[in-house]
Amino acid sequence: VLQECGADCAKFQKSELEYKFNKKALERPYTSKHSWGKTYGEHKRHLEFSHDQYRELKKYAEEIGIFFTASGMDEMAVEFLHELDVPFFKVGSGDTNNFPYLEKTAKKGRPMVISSGMQSMNTMHQVYQIVKPINPNFCFLQCTSAYPLQPEDVNLRVISAYQSAFPDIPIGYSGHETGIAISVAAVAMGAKVVERHVTLDKTWKGSDHQASLEPNELAELVKAIRTVEKAMGSPVKQLLPCEMACNEKLGKSVVAKVAIPEGAVLTLDMLTVKVGEPKGYPPEAIFDLVGQKVKKSIAEDETVTEQAVK
């Protein structure tokens, strides 16, 4: 599905539960409507893919031509993903302030994508200072850890703040909002990586599904992002070849407001601007024409051409 929609990478979440949670957290009763077990541990064990299932998923991703990786949700999960030979490590927001984890992960030498949900700018500076000397190949994603995320809590401007604070690394966006507009806007602001949750059905059991995109939305998002990437274009402002037709048809010229005899010195009140046939001086030249001598007479309403002016 992801590959058909045009996504570049499928990312899962890998936990080694005894390393991610302490015993009490795993034994905590879990009675939510989203629960797959009586305790949180039972619930998580029901949902967690095995190492063999991960190997199968990676093999399948390779067969269909898409990258495959996962967020390593604890240090042992990172060890497994390293052994699985993933193209990059994703650091979930919950581990971004886990400095020993960051050091160990950075030392593996794989590129890192680091989400910043629940963090402060001060923490992100610390993260940068820890990771950069070990592994310069990483990026930050602006992220707000709420599911689903309300637009007023997205704070896309943080992308610009990260771009200023960390100009030597790519900045991206990880979104848990509904719909695609905000993620498209992130790309227009310069996000180089976009991560979104994907589901086959938003009504399924589990709190993440409603903060996810269904395949048709993912396809729309990818298409919109590719369009925006093209549209970002060049910062150079100039008359483009594609504008020539419009310029020929509607571009204006300086025209004689009154009949101007040969030898007259041009003043502003002799001139006006109209769509003229043939084309003459462009409107931006009108002030430069003032004070120039006319070398042949120009009839009222006629275009002022270079041939008529000294």
Foldseek 3Di string as FASTA:
>chain_A
DCVVLPHQEDEAAAEPPVQLDPPCQQQDADDDQLAPDRGNVNRVVVVHDDLVVLLVVCVVCVVSNHFYYYAHSGQVSLVSRLVSVGQEHEHEQVCLLVLVSLLVNLQSAHEYEYENAPHDVVSVVVSCVRNCVSYVRYEYAYEHPDAQDDPVPRPLCVQVVCCVVPVSYAYAYEHQHPAQPVRLVSVLVPHPDYHFAEDCDLPDRDRSSVSGHHSVRSSVNSVSNVVSVVVSDDPDDDCDPVCVVVCQVFFKAKFFQAKFAAFDADDLVRIDIGRAPPHAHGPVCSVVSHRWGFHHIHHHGHGDHPVGTD
